[in-house]
């Protein structure tokens, strides 16, 4: 009779240290949170999916806004959004990309989805903050490590000319603060999500020196 196996001991040690056991983390989404915050986050994710599943079909089935940080695989959600638009317009998905519009309305007051694309929330900035009045990036406040991004409207557009240009910072978006991942079997990174365009009045080099990036989750 084995009272305590090696695996149980590892789990017990992790629980004692407020860490997510490796056997749990290997089956879960990427996260740097301690166990207490991880459990709260997990419950919130399941509640968000449950609320979506139970939504009244008379209200079009989909919620008006999506908590993108709550998805296990947000890249699939983004691709699905483009696919829906491609089917609607009967065009090739390869000709479509997202335009990024930043909305002043608090996420919990958004009561209707956009005509095309989706509203998303739950993102953070590392290395800068969002200036709601100027509607662009600004320097972080003293002693502020992270700042919330407002609601983002991901609007599909055909043959859109994006990329680096004046007035826009091309920011990577990651699932966690680790900023590193590996390619999965789907060809997607386990951590990198997408590239975002964020308005700014400074050159891109300014924000690159500050290591500016968007995040879906913090480490607390």
N, C-alpha and C. Protein backbone atom coordinates (compact mmCIF):
# COMPACT_ATOMS: atom_id res chain seq x y z
N UNK A 1 0.84 -1.19 0.00
CA UNK A 1 0.00 0.00 0.00
C UNK A 1 0.89 1.25 0.00
N UNK A 2 0.70 2.09 -1.02
CA UNK A 2 1.45 3.33 -1.12
C UNK A 2 0.57 4.47 -0.63
N UNK A 3 0.91 5.01 0.52
CA UNK A 3 0.10 6.09 1.09
C UNK A 3 0.32 7.39 0.33
N UNK A 4 1.54 7.69 -0.02
CA UNK A 4 1.88 8.94 -0.72
C UNK A 4 2.83 8.64 -1.87
N UNK A 5 2.32 8.73 -3.08
CA UNK A 5 3.16 8.50 -4.26
C UNK A 5 3.95 9.77 -4.55
N UNK A 6 4.91 9.64 -5.45
CA UNK A 6 5.71 10.80 -5.82
C UNK A 6 4.85 11.89 -6.44
N UNK A 7 3.89 11.50 -7.27
CA UNK A 7 3.02 12.49 -7.91
C UNK A 7 2.17 13.23 -6.89
N UNK A 8 1.62 12.48 -5.92
CA UNK A 8 0.83 13.12 -4.87
C UNK A 8 1.69 14.05 -4.01
N UNK A 9 2.92 13.66 -3.80
CA UNK A 9 3.81 14.51 -3.02
C UNK A 9 4.10 15.82 -3.74
N UNK A 10 4.30 15.74 -5.06
CA UNK A 10 4.53 16.94 -5.84
C UNK A 10 3.32 17.87 -5.81
N UNK A 11 2.13 17.27 -5.91
CA UNK A 11 0.91 18.07 -5.84
C UNK A 11 0.77 18.71 -4.47
N UNK A 12 1.04 17.94 -3.44
CA UNK A 12 0.93 18.45 -2.07
C UNK A 12 1.90 19.60 -1.83
N UNK A 13 3.12 19.46 -2.31
CA UNK A 13 4.11 20.52 -2.14
C UNK A 13 3.69 21.79 -2.88
N UNK A 14 3.17 21.61 -4.08
CA UNK A 14 2.73 22.76 -4.87
C UNK A 14 1.57 23.48 -4.17
N UNK A 15 0.62 22.72 -3.65
CA UNK A 15 -0.52 23.33 -2.95
C UNK A 15 -0.05 24.10 -1.72
N UNK A 16 0.91 23.53 -1.01
CA UNK A 16 1.44 24.17 0.20
C UNK A 16 2.11 25.50 -0.15
N UNK A 17 2.77 25.54 -1.31
CA UNK A 17 3.50 26.73 -1.73
C UNK A 17 2.65 27.69 -2.57
N UNK A 18 1.35 27.42 -2.65
CA UNK A 18 0.43 28.26 -3.43
C UNK A 18 0.84 28.32 -4.90
N UNK A 19 1.25 27.18 -5.42
CA UNK A 19 1.64 27.08 -6.82
C UNK A 19 0.72 26.09 -7.54
N UNK A 20 0.54 26.28 -8.82
CA UNK A 20 -0.27 25.35 -9.61
C UNK A 20 0.54 24.08 -9.85
N UNK A 21 0.05 22.92 -9.45
CA UNK A 21 0.79 21.67 -9.68
C UNK A 21 1.09 21.46 -11.16
N UNK A 22 2.26 20.93 -11.46
CA UNK A 22 2.64 20.71 -12.85
C UNK A 22 1.64 19.81 -13.57
N UNK A 23 1.08 18.84 -12.87
CA UNK A 23 0.14 17.92 -13.50
C UNK A 23 -1.15 18.63 -13.90
N UNK A 24 -1.48 19.72 -13.20
CA UNK A 24 -2.63 20.53 -13.58
C UNK A 24 -2.26 21.48 -14.72
N UNK A 25 -1.13 22.16 -14.57
CA UNK A 25 -0.71 23.16 -15.54
C UNK A 25 -0.50 22.55 -16.93
N UNK A 26 -0.07 21.29 -16.98
CA UNK A 26 0.18 20.65 -18.27
C UNK A 26 -1.11 20.43 -19.06
N UNK A 27 -2.25 20.45 -18.38
CA UNK A 27 -3.54 20.25 -19.05
C UNK A 27 -4.30 21.57 -19.19
N UNK A 28 -3.74 22.65 -18.72
CA UNK A 28 -4.46 23.92 -18.69
C UNK A 28 -3.84 24.93 -19.66
N UNK A 29 -4.42 26.10 -19.66
CA UNK A 29 -3.95 27.22 -20.47
C UNK A 29 -2.70 27.83 -19.84
N UNK A 30 -1.87 28.54 -20.61
CA UNK A 30 -0.68 29.19 -20.03
C UNK A 30 -1.08 30.22 -18.97
N UNK A 31 -0.42 30.18 -17.83
CA UNK A 31 -0.71 31.12 -16.76
C UNK A 31 0.48 31.21 -15.82
N UNK A 32 0.74 32.43 -15.33
CA UNK A 32 1.81 32.65 -14.36
C UNK A 32 1.24 32.98 -12.98
N UNK A 33 -0.05 32.82 -12.81
CA UNK A 33 -0.70 33.18 -11.55
C UNK A 33 -0.38 32.15 -10.46
N UNK A 34 -0.34 32.60 -9.20
CA UNK A 34 -0.25 31.63 -8.09
C UNK A 34 -1.55 30.86 -7.99
N UNK A 35 -1.54 29.78 -7.24
CA UNK A 35 -2.69 28.87 -7.20
C UNK A 35 -3.98 29.57 -6.82
N UNK A 36 -3.95 30.43 -5.79
CA UNK A 36 -5.18 31.09 -5.34
C UNK A 36 -5.80 31.92 -6.45
N UNK A 37 -4.98 32.70 -7.16
CA UNK A 37 -5.49 33.52 -8.26
C UNK A 37 -5.86 32.66 -9.46
N UNK A 38 -5.12 31.59 -9.66
CA UNK A 38 -5.38 30.68 -10.78
C UNK A 38 -6.76 30.05 -10.65
N UNK A 39 -7.12 29.63 -9.45
CA UNK A 39 -8.43 29.00 -9.23
C UNK A 39 -9.55 30.01 -9.49
N UNK A 40 -9.38 31.24 -9.00
CA UNK A 40 -10.39 32.28 -9.23
C UNK A 40 -10.54 32.54 -10.73
N UNK A 41 -9.41 32.61 -11.42
CA UNK A 41 -9.42 32.83 -12.87
C UNK A 41 -10.11 31.68 -13.59
N UNK A 42 -9.84 30.46 -13.17
CA UNK A 42 -10.46 29.29 -13.79
C UNK A 42 -11.97 29.32 -13.62
N UNK A 43 -12.43 29.66 -12.43
CA UNK A 43 -13.87 29.74 -12.17
C UNK A 43 -14.51 30.82 -13.05
N UNK A 44 -13.84 31.96 -13.18
CA UNK A 44 -14.37 33.04 -14.01
C UNK A 44 -14.44 32.63 -15.48
N UNK A 45 -13.47 31.88 -15.93
CA UNK A 45 -13.48 31.41 -17.32
C UNK A 45 -14.65 30.46 -17.58
N UNK A 46 -14.85 29.52 -16.66
CA UNK A 46 -15.96 28.57 -16.84
C UNK A 46 -17.31 29.27 -16.75
N UNK A 47 -17.41 30.27 -15.87
CA UNK A 47 -18.66 31.02 -15.75
C UNK A 47 -18.94 31.82 -17.02
N UNK A 48 -17.89 32.37 -17.63
CA UNK A 48 -18.07 33.14 -18.86
C UNK A 48 -18.57 32.24 -20.00
N UNK A 49 -17.98 31.06 -20.11
CA UNK A 49 -18.41 30.12 -21.16
C UNK A 49 -19.83 29.63 -20.88
N UNK A 50 -20.14 29.37 -19.61
CA UNK A 50 -21.48 28.91 -19.25
C UNK A 50 -22.52 29.98 -19.57
N UNK A 51 -22.20 31.25 -19.26
CA UNK A 51 -23.14 32.34 -19.55
C UNK A 51 -23.37 32.46 -21.06
N UNK A 52 -22.32 32.26 -21.84
CA UNK A 52 -22.44 32.30 -23.30
C UNK A 52 -23.31 31.13 -23.78
N UNK A 53 -23.09 29.96 -23.23
CA UNK A 53 -23.85 28.77 -23.63
C UNK A 53 -25.33 28.91 -23.30
N UNK A 54 -25.62 29.51 -22.15
CA UNK A 54 -27.00 29.63 -21.68
C UNK A 54 -27.70 30.87 -22.23
N UNK A 55 -27.02 31.65 -23.05
CA UNK A 55 -27.60 32.90 -23.55
C UNK A 55 -28.86 32.64 -24.37
N UNK A 56 -29.84 33.51 -24.23
CA UNK A 56 -31.11 33.40 -24.94
C UNK A 56 -30.89 33.46 -26.44
N UNK A 57 -31.32 32.42 -27.21
CA UNK A 57 -31.12 32.44 -28.66
C UNK A 57 -31.79 33.64 -29.33
N UNK A 58 -32.83 34.20 -28.68
CA UNK A 58 -33.50 35.36 -29.25
C UNK A 58 -32.58 36.57 -29.29
N UNK A 59 -31.50 36.53 -28.49
CA UNK A 59 -30.54 37.63 -28.47
C UNK A 59 -29.34 37.33 -29.35
N UNK A 60 -29.58 36.57 -30.43
CA UNK A 60 -28.58 36.22 -31.44
C UNK A 60 -27.56 35.20 -30.95
N UNK A 61 -27.74 34.68 -29.74
CA UNK A 61 -26.86 33.64 -29.25
C UNK A 61 -25.54 34.16 -28.71
N UNK A 62 -24.85 35.01 -29.45
CA UNK A 62 -23.55 35.51 -29.02
C UNK A 62 -23.70 36.71 -28.09
N UNK A 63 -22.83 36.83 -27.10
CA UNK A 63 -22.85 38.02 -26.24
C UNK A 63 -22.41 39.26 -27.01
N UNK A 64 -22.76 40.45 -26.53
CA UNK A 64 -22.37 41.67 -27.25
C UNK A 64 -20.88 41.95 -27.18
N UNK A 65 -20.20 41.39 -26.20
CA UNK A 65 -18.77 41.62 -26.02
C UNK A 65 -18.14 40.35 -25.45
N UNK A 66 -16.89 40.10 -25.81
CA UNK A 66 -16.23 38.86 -25.41
C UNK A 66 -15.03 39.17 -24.51
N UNK A 67 -14.90 38.39 -23.46
CA UNK A 67 -13.73 38.46 -22.59
C UNK A 67 -12.65 37.59 -23.24
N UNK A 68 -11.80 38.20 -24.05
CA UNK A 68 -10.84 37.42 -24.83
C UNK A 68 -9.83 36.71 -23.93
N UNK A 69 -9.56 37.26 -22.76
CA UNK A 69 -8.61 36.63 -21.84
C UNK A 69 -9.14 35.30 -21.31
N UNK A 70 -10.44 35.06 -21.44
CA UNK A 70 -11.02 33.85 -20.88
C UNK A 70 -11.00 32.65 -21.81
N UNK A 71 -10.51 32.84 -23.04
CA UNK A 71 -10.47 31.73 -23.98
C UNK A 71 -9.21 30.88 -23.79
N UNK A 72 -9.37 29.58 -23.89
CA UNK A 72 -8.23 28.67 -23.84
C UNK A 72 -7.33 28.89 -25.05
N UNK A 73 -7.94 29.12 -26.21
CA UNK A 73 -7.20 29.27 -27.47
C UNK A 73 -7.76 30.48 -28.22
N UNK A 74 -7.38 31.70 -27.81
CA UNK A 74 -7.96 32.90 -28.42
C UNK A 74 -7.67 33.05 -29.90
N UNK A 75 -6.58 32.44 -30.38
CA UNK A 75 -6.28 32.55 -31.81
C UNK A 75 -7.40 31.96 -32.66
N UNK A 76 -8.01 30.86 -32.17
CA UNK A 76 -9.11 30.23 -32.91
C UNK A 76 -10.32 31.16 -32.95
N UNK A 77 -10.56 31.87 -31.85
CA UNK A 77 -11.66 32.83 -31.81
C UNK A 77 -11.45 33.94 -32.85
N UNK A 78 -10.22 34.43 -32.95
CA UNK A 78 -9.93 35.49 -33.91
C UNK A 78 -10.11 34.99 -35.35
N UNK A 79 -9.63 33.79 -35.62
CA UNK A 79 -9.79 33.21 -36.96
C UNK A 79 -11.27 33.00 -37.27
N UNK A 80 -12.03 32.53 -36.28
CA UNK A 80 -13.46 32.31 -36.48
C UNK A 80 -14.20 33.60 -36.80
N UNK A 81 -13.77 34.70 -36.17
CA UNK A 81 -14.38 35.99 -36.45
C UNK A 81 -14.15 36.40 -37.90
N UNK A 82 -12.94 36.19 -38.39
CA UNK A 82 -12.64 36.49 -39.79
C UNK A 82 -13.42 35.57 -40.73
N UNK A 83 -13.55 34.31 -40.36
CA UNK A 83 -14.29 33.35 -41.19
C UNK A 83 -15.76 33.74 -41.30
N UNK A 84 -16.35 34.17 -40.19
CA UNK A 84 -17.75 34.59 -40.22
C UNK A 84 -17.96 35.76 -41.18
N UNK A 85 -17.03 36.70 -41.14
CA UNK A 85 -17.14 37.86 -42.04
C UNK A 85 -16.93 37.43 -43.49
N UNK A 86 -15.98 36.53 -43.72
CA UNK A 86 -15.73 36.05 -45.08
C UNK A 86 -16.96 35.35 -45.66
N UNK A 87 -17.63 34.55 -44.83
CA UNK A 87 -18.85 33.87 -45.30
C UNK A 87 -19.96 34.89 -45.57
N UNK A 88 -20.07 35.87 -44.70
CA UNK A 88 -21.11 36.89 -44.87
C UNK A 88 -20.93 37.66 -46.18
N UNK A 89 -19.69 38.03 -46.47
CA UNK A 89 -19.39 38.82 -47.66
C UNK A 89 -19.08 37.97 -48.88
N UNK A 90 -18.96 36.64 -48.66
CA UNK A 90 -18.64 35.69 -49.73
C UNK A 90 -17.33 36.07 -50.44
N UNK A 91 -16.31 36.25 -49.62
CA UNK A 91 -14.99 36.57 -50.14
C UNK A 91 -13.97 35.67 -49.47
N UNK A 92 -12.74 35.69 -49.97
CA UNK A 92 -11.67 34.86 -49.41
C UNK A 92 -11.21 35.43 -48.08
N UNK A 93 -11.00 34.55 -47.12
CA UNK A 93 -10.54 34.98 -45.80
C UNK A 93 -9.12 35.56 -45.88
N UNK A 94 -8.36 35.17 -46.90
CA UNK A 94 -6.99 35.66 -47.03
C UNK A 94 -6.93 37.14 -47.35
N UNK A 95 -8.04 37.73 -47.78
CA UNK A 95 -8.05 39.16 -48.13
C UNK A 95 -8.51 40.02 -46.96
N UNK A 96 -8.80 39.40 -45.81
CA UNK A 96 -9.38 40.14 -44.68
C UNK A 96 -8.37 40.23 -43.53
N UNK A 97 -8.37 41.35 -42.86
CA UNK A 97 -7.58 41.53 -41.65
C UNK A 97 -8.32 42.49 -40.73
N UNK A 98 -7.87 42.59 -39.49
CA UNK A 98 -8.56 43.41 -38.51
C UNK A 98 -8.06 44.85 -38.50
N UNK A 99 -9.02 45.76 -38.37
CA UNK A 99 -8.72 47.14 -37.98
C UNK A 99 -9.03 47.23 -36.49
N UNK A 100 -8.28 48.04 -35.77
CA UNK A 100 -8.42 48.13 -34.32
C UNK A 100 -8.99 49.49 -33.93
N UNK A 101 -10.18 49.47 -33.34
CA UNK A 101 -10.82 50.69 -32.87
C UNK A 101 -11.00 50.58 -31.35
N UNK A 102 -10.68 51.64 -30.64
CA UNK A 102 -10.71 51.63 -29.18
C UNK A 102 -11.93 52.43 -28.70
N UNK A 103 -12.78 51.77 -27.91
CA UNK A 103 -14.09 52.28 -27.54
C UNK A 103 -14.07 52.83 -26.12
N UNK A 104 -14.72 53.98 -25.93
CA UNK A 104 -14.77 54.60 -24.61
C UNK A 104 -15.73 53.91 -23.65
N UNK A 105 -16.74 53.25 -24.17
CA UNK A 105 -17.77 52.64 -23.33
C UNK A 105 -17.18 51.55 -22.44
N UNK A 106 -17.45 51.57 -21.12
CA UNK A 106 -16.99 50.48 -20.26
C UNK A 106 -17.53 49.14 -20.75
N UNK A 107 -16.76 48.09 -20.57
CA UNK A 107 -17.14 46.79 -21.15
C UNK A 107 -18.48 46.29 -20.62
N UNK A 108 -18.79 46.59 -19.35
CA UNK A 108 -20.04 46.09 -18.78
C UNK A 108 -21.25 46.92 -19.16
N UNK A 109 -21.04 47.96 -19.98
CA UNK A 109 -22.16 48.76 -20.47
C UNK A 109 -22.40 48.57 -21.97
N UNK A 110 -21.61 47.71 -22.59
CA UNK A 110 -21.82 47.38 -24.00
C UNK A 110 -23.00 46.42 -24.10
N UNK A 111 -24.06 46.83 -24.76
CA UNK A 111 -25.29 46.01 -24.77
C UNK A 111 -25.66 45.47 -26.14
N UNK A 112 -24.84 45.75 -27.16
CA UNK A 112 -25.13 45.23 -28.50
C UNK A 112 -23.83 45.00 -29.24
N UNK A 113 -23.76 43.94 -30.02
CA UNK A 113 -22.53 43.67 -30.79
C UNK A 113 -22.42 44.61 -31.98
N UNK A 114 -21.22 44.78 -32.53
CA UNK A 114 -21.08 45.60 -33.74
C UNK A 114 -21.68 44.88 -34.95
N UNK A 115 -21.92 45.63 -35.99
CA UNK A 115 -22.49 45.03 -37.20
C UNK A 115 -21.53 44.01 -37.79
N UNK A 116 -20.26 44.32 -37.78
CA UNK A 116 -19.22 43.40 -38.26
C UNK A 116 -18.12 43.31 -37.22
N UNK A 117 -17.53 42.13 -37.09
CA UNK A 117 -16.46 41.95 -36.13
C UNK A 117 -16.99 41.74 -34.72
N UNK A 118 -16.13 41.98 -33.74
CA UNK A 118 -16.49 41.74 -32.34
C UNK A 118 -15.88 42.81 -31.44
N UNK A 119 -16.52 43.00 -30.29
CA UNK A 119 -15.93 43.78 -29.22
C UNK A 119 -15.24 42.82 -28.26
N UNK A 120 -14.04 43.18 -27.81
CA UNK A 120 -13.33 42.36 -26.84
C UNK A 120 -12.84 43.24 -25.69
N UNK A 121 -12.62 42.62 -24.54
CA UNK A 121 -12.07 43.34 -23.39
C UNK A 121 -11.22 42.39 -22.57
N UNK A 122 -10.59 42.94 -21.52
CA UNK A 122 -9.77 42.11 -20.64
C UNK A 122 -8.30 42.12 -20.98
N UNK A 123 -7.83 43.16 -21.68
CA UNK A 123 -6.44 43.22 -22.08
C UNK A 123 -5.70 44.27 -21.27
N UNK A 124 -4.38 44.12 -21.19
CA UNK A 124 -3.55 45.01 -20.39
C UNK A 124 -2.36 45.50 -21.21
N UNK A 125 -1.81 46.63 -20.79
CA UNK A 125 -0.59 47.15 -21.39
C UNK A 125 0.55 47.03 -20.41
N UNK A 126 1.69 46.59 -20.89
CA UNK A 126 2.92 46.52 -20.10
C UNK A 126 3.92 47.46 -20.75
N UNK A 127 4.26 48.55 -20.05
CA UNK A 127 5.22 49.51 -20.60
C UNK A 127 4.61 50.83 -21.01
N UNK A 128 3.30 50.97 -20.86
CA UNK A 128 2.61 52.21 -21.20
C UNK A 128 1.21 52.15 -20.62
N UNK A 129 0.43 53.19 -20.87
CA UNK A 129 -0.97 53.20 -20.47
C UNK A 129 -1.79 53.81 -21.60
N UNK A 130 -3.10 53.65 -21.50
CA UNK A 130 -4.00 54.23 -22.49
C UNK A 130 -4.53 55.55 -21.97
N UNK A 131 -4.34 56.62 -22.73
CA UNK A 131 -4.86 57.94 -22.38
C UNK A 131 -6.26 58.06 -22.97
N UNK A 132 -7.28 57.98 -22.12
CA UNK A 132 -8.66 57.97 -22.60
C UNK A 132 -9.07 59.29 -23.24
N UNK A 133 -8.47 60.39 -22.80
CA UNK A 133 -8.82 61.69 -23.37
C UNK A 133 -8.17 61.90 -24.73
N UNK A 134 -6.89 61.58 -24.82
CA UNK A 134 -6.18 61.74 -26.09
C UNK A 134 -6.42 60.57 -27.04
N UNK A 135 -6.95 59.47 -26.49
CA UNK A 135 -7.21 58.25 -27.27
C UNK A 135 -5.95 57.73 -27.95
N UNK A 136 -4.88 57.64 -27.14
CA UNK A 136 -3.63 57.10 -27.65
C UNK A 136 -2.77 56.64 -26.48
N UNK A 137 -1.62 56.07 -26.81
CA UNK A 137 -0.69 55.62 -25.78
C UNK A 137 -0.09 56.81 -25.04
N UNK A 138 0.23 56.57 -23.77
CA UNK A 138 0.90 57.58 -22.95
C UNK A 138 1.85 56.88 -22.00
N UNK A 139 2.75 57.66 -21.42
CA UNK A 139 3.70 57.10 -20.47
C UNK A 139 2.97 56.56 -19.23
N UNK A 140 3.48 55.48 -18.68
CA UNK A 140 2.89 54.90 -17.47
C UNK A 140 2.97 55.88 -16.31
N UNK A 141 1.99 55.80 -15.43
CA UNK A 141 2.06 56.60 -14.22
C UNK A 141 3.18 56.07 -13.33
N UNK A 142 3.74 56.90 -12.46
CA UNK A 142 4.80 56.42 -11.56
C UNK A 142 4.33 55.22 -10.74
N UNK A 143 5.19 54.21 -10.66
CA UNK A 143 4.96 52.99 -9.88
C UNK A 143 3.80 52.14 -10.42
N UNK A 144 3.37 52.42 -11.64
CA UNK A 144 2.31 51.62 -12.26
C UNK A 144 2.95 50.68 -13.28
N UNK A 145 2.88 49.40 -13.00
CA UNK A 145 3.50 48.41 -13.90
C UNK A 145 2.62 48.10 -15.10
N UNK A 146 1.32 48.00 -14.87
CA UNK A 146 0.40 47.59 -15.94
C UNK A 146 -0.80 48.51 -15.95
N UNK A 147 -1.44 48.60 -17.11
CA UNK A 147 -2.62 49.44 -17.26
C UNK A 147 -3.64 48.71 -18.13
N UNK A 148 -4.91 48.98 -17.88
CA UNK A 148 -5.98 48.35 -18.66
C UNK A 148 -6.08 48.98 -20.05
N UNK A 149 -6.35 48.15 -21.04
CA UNK A 149 -6.74 48.65 -22.35
C UNK A 149 -8.25 48.78 -22.37
N UNK A 150 -8.80 49.76 -23.10
CA UNK A 150 -10.26 49.86 -23.18
C UNK A 150 -10.84 48.76 -24.06
N UNK A 151 -12.13 48.80 -24.23
CA UNK A 151 -12.79 47.87 -25.15
C UNK A 151 -12.23 48.06 -26.56
N UNK A 152 -11.94 46.96 -27.21
CA UNK A 152 -11.38 47.01 -28.57
C UNK A 152 -12.39 46.42 -29.55
N UNK A 153 -12.64 47.16 -30.60
CA UNK A 153 -13.49 46.66 -31.69
C UNK A 153 -12.58 46.09 -32.77
N UNK A 154 -12.63 44.78 -32.92
CA UNK A 154 -11.90 44.12 -34.00
C UNK A 154 -12.81 44.12 -35.22
N UNK A 155 -12.52 45.01 -36.14
CA UNK A 155 -13.38 45.19 -37.32
C UNK A 155 -12.71 44.61 -38.56
N UNK A 156 -13.28 43.56 -39.15
CA UNK A 156 -12.69 42.99 -40.36
C UNK A 156 -12.81 43.96 -41.53
N UNK A 157 -11.72 44.07 -42.28
CA UNK A 157 -11.72 44.93 -43.47
C UNK A 157 -11.03 44.19 -44.61
N UNK A 158 -11.47 44.45 -45.83
CA UNK A 158 -10.93 43.78 -47.01
C UNK A 158 -9.78 44.59 -47.58
N UNK A 159 -8.71 43.88 -47.92
CA UNK A 159 -7.52 44.50 -48.54
C UNK A 159 -7.05 45.70 -47.74
N UNK A 160 -6.98 45.54 -46.47
CA UNK A 160 -6.59 46.64 -45.59
C UNK A 160 -5.08 46.84 -45.63
N UNK A 161 -4.66 48.09 -45.68
CA UNK A 161 -3.23 48.41 -45.69
C UNK A 161 -2.81 48.76 -44.25
N UNK A 162 -2.35 47.76 -43.54
CA UNK A 162 -1.91 47.97 -42.16
C UNK A 162 -0.40 48.06 -42.08
N UNK A 163 0.12 47.70 -40.92
CA UNK A 163 1.57 47.70 -40.75
C UNK A 163 2.09 48.99 -40.17
N UNK A 164 3.43 49.09 -40.07
CA UNK A 164 4.08 50.25 -39.45
C UNK A 164 3.82 51.50 -40.26
N UNK A 165 3.45 52.57 -39.55
CA UNK A 165 3.22 53.87 -40.17
C UNK A 165 3.14 54.91 -39.07
N UNK A 166 3.18 56.17 -39.46
CA UNK A 166 3.12 57.25 -38.49
C UNK A 166 1.78 57.22 -37.74
N UNK A 167 1.85 57.49 -36.43
CA UNK A 167 0.63 57.55 -35.63
C UNK A 167 0.15 56.22 -35.11
N UNK A 168 0.89 55.15 -35.37
CA UNK A 168 0.47 53.81 -34.93
C UNK A 168 1.67 53.04 -34.41
N UNK A 169 1.49 52.41 -33.26
CA UNK A 169 2.52 51.49 -32.74
C UNK A 169 2.06 50.07 -32.99
N UNK A 170 2.92 49.29 -33.58
CA UNK A 170 2.62 47.88 -33.85
C UNK A 170 3.03 47.07 -32.63
N UNK A 171 2.04 46.64 -31.87
CA UNK A 171 2.32 45.99 -30.58
C UNK A 171 2.02 44.49 -30.63
N UNK A 172 2.93 43.68 -30.13
CA UNK A 172 2.60 42.26 -29.98
C UNK A 172 1.63 42.07 -28.82
N UNK A 173 0.86 41.02 -28.89
CA UNK A 173 -0.06 40.69 -27.80
C UNK A 173 0.21 39.25 -27.38
N UNK A 174 0.41 39.05 -26.07
CA UNK A 174 0.74 37.74 -25.53
C UNK A 174 -0.31 37.31 -24.51
N UNK A 175 -0.37 36.01 -24.27
CA UNK A 175 -1.27 35.49 -23.25
C UNK A 175 -0.77 35.81 -21.85
N UNK A 176 0.54 35.71 -21.64
CA UNK A 176 1.13 35.94 -20.32
C UNK A 176 2.32 36.88 -20.42
N UNK A 177 2.80 37.31 -19.26
CA UNK A 177 3.95 38.21 -19.21
C UNK A 177 5.25 37.54 -19.61
N UNK A 178 5.24 36.25 -19.77
CA UNK A 178 6.47 35.53 -20.12
C UNK A 178 6.99 35.93 -21.50
N UNK A 179 6.10 36.30 -22.38
CA UNK A 179 6.45 36.75 -23.73
C UNK A 179 7.24 35.71 -24.52
N UNK A 180 7.05 34.47 -24.24
CA UNK A 180 7.75 33.41 -24.97
C UNK A 180 6.84 32.20 -25.05
N UNK A 181 6.98 31.46 -26.12
CA UNK A 181 6.18 30.26 -26.29
C UNK A 181 6.82 29.35 -27.31
N UNK A 182 6.14 28.28 -27.61
CA UNK A 182 6.61 27.34 -28.63
C UNK A 182 5.48 27.13 -29.63
N UNK A 183 5.84 26.67 -30.82
CA UNK A 183 4.83 26.40 -31.83
C UNK A 183 4.08 25.13 -31.47
N UNK A 184 2.76 25.21 -31.48
CA UNK A 184 1.93 24.04 -31.20
C UNK A 184 1.70 23.27 -32.50
N UNK A 185 0.97 22.18 -32.41
CA UNK A 185 0.69 21.36 -33.59
C UNK A 185 -0.19 22.10 -34.60
N UNK A 186 -0.89 23.15 -34.17
CA UNK A 186 -1.73 23.93 -35.08
C UNK A 186 -0.92 24.96 -35.86
N UNK A 187 0.35 25.13 -35.50
CA UNK A 187 1.18 26.14 -36.14
C UNK A 187 1.14 27.48 -35.45
N UNK A 188 0.38 27.57 -34.35
CA UNK A 188 0.30 28.80 -33.58
C UNK A 188 1.23 28.73 -32.37
N UNK A 189 1.65 29.90 -31.91
CA UNK A 189 2.45 29.96 -30.70
C UNK A 189 1.58 29.67 -29.49
N UNK A 190 2.19 29.07 -28.47
CA UNK A 190 1.45 28.81 -27.23
C UNK A 190 1.27 30.07 -26.40
N UNK A 191 1.92 31.17 -26.79
CA UNK A 191 1.81 32.40 -26.00
C UNK A 191 1.46 33.62 -26.84
N UNK A 192 2.06 33.76 -28.00
CA UNK A 192 1.77 34.90 -28.87
C UNK A 192 0.36 34.78 -29.44
N UNK A 193 -0.40 35.89 -29.40
CA UNK A 193 -1.79 35.86 -29.86
C UNK A 193 -1.95 36.58 -31.19
N UNK A 194 -1.53 37.84 -31.26
CA UNK A 194 -1.71 38.62 -32.48
C UNK A 194 -0.87 39.90 -32.40
N UNK A 195 -0.86 40.63 -33.50
CA UNK A 195 -0.24 41.95 -33.55
C UNK A 195 -1.34 42.99 -33.58
N UNK A 196 -1.21 44.00 -32.71
CA UNK A 196 -2.23 45.04 -32.60
C UNK A 196 -1.68 46.38 -33.09
N UNK A 197 -2.57 47.23 -33.54
CA UNK A 197 -2.22 48.58 -33.92
C UNK A 197 -2.81 49.53 -32.88
N UNK A 198 -1.96 50.30 -32.21
CA UNK A 198 -2.41 51.20 -31.15
C UNK A 198 -1.99 52.62 -31.48
N UNK A 199 -2.92 53.57 -31.45
CA UNK A 199 -2.58 54.96 -31.79
C UNK A 199 -1.52 55.54 -30.85
N UNK A 200 -0.65 56.37 -31.41
CA UNK A 200 0.40 57.02 -30.62
C UNK A 200 0.87 58.28 -31.34
N UNK A 201 1.45 59.20 -30.60
CA UNK A 201 2.04 60.38 -31.21
C UNK A 201 3.56 60.34 -31.12
N UNK A 202 4.09 59.18 -30.78
CA UNK A 202 5.54 59.00 -30.68
C UNK A 202 6.00 57.93 -31.66
N UNK A 203 7.26 57.95 -32.07
CA UNK A 203 7.76 56.92 -32.99
C UNK A 203 7.78 55.55 -32.32
N UNK A 204 7.73 54.52 -33.13
CA UNK A 204 7.72 53.16 -32.59
C UNK A 204 8.91 52.85 -31.72
N UNK A 205 10.08 53.42 -32.06
CA UNK A 205 11.31 53.15 -31.29
C UNK A 205 11.14 53.57 -29.83
N UNK A 206 10.35 54.60 -29.59
CA UNK A 206 10.13 55.09 -28.23
C UNK A 206 9.51 53.99 -27.37
N UNK A 207 8.51 53.32 -27.91
CA UNK A 207 7.82 52.28 -27.14
C UNK A 207 8.57 50.96 -27.14
N UNK A 208 9.35 50.72 -28.18
CA UNK A 208 10.16 49.51 -28.21
C UNK A 208 11.17 49.53 -27.07
N UNK A 209 11.76 50.71 -26.81
CA UNK A 209 12.72 50.84 -25.72
C UNK A 209 12.07 50.56 -24.36
N UNK A 210 10.77 50.78 -24.26
CA UNK A 210 10.04 50.53 -23.01
C UNK A 210 9.47 49.12 -22.95
N UNK A 211 9.71 48.35 -24.01
CA UNK A 211 9.24 46.97 -24.03
C UNK A 211 7.73 46.86 -24.05
N UNK A 212 7.08 47.81 -24.70
CA UNK A 212 5.62 47.85 -24.70
C UNK A 212 5.03 46.64 -25.40
N UNK A 213 4.04 46.02 -24.75
CA UNK A 213 3.31 44.90 -25.32
C UNK A 213 1.96 44.81 -24.63
N UNK A 214 1.01 44.19 -25.32
CA UNK A 214 -0.30 43.93 -24.74
C UNK A 214 -0.33 42.52 -24.17
N UNK A 215 -1.08 42.35 -23.09
CA UNK A 215 -1.18 41.06 -22.41
C UNK A 215 -2.63 40.68 -22.17
N UNK A 216 -2.90 39.39 -22.18
CA UNK A 216 -4.24 38.91 -21.85
C UNK A 216 -4.37 38.59 -20.37
N UNK A 217 -3.28 38.37 -19.68
CA UNK A 217 -3.35 38.02 -18.26
C UNK A 217 -2.08 38.47 -17.55
N UNK A 218 -2.24 38.82 -16.28
CA UNK A 218 -1.10 39.22 -15.47
C UNK A 218 -0.68 38.05 -14.57
N UNK A 219 0.27 38.31 -13.69
CA UNK A 219 0.76 37.21 -12.86
C UNK A 219 0.22 37.28 -11.43
N UNK A 220 -0.94 37.90 -11.28
CA UNK A 220 -1.59 37.95 -9.97
C UNK A 220 -3.09 37.97 -10.15
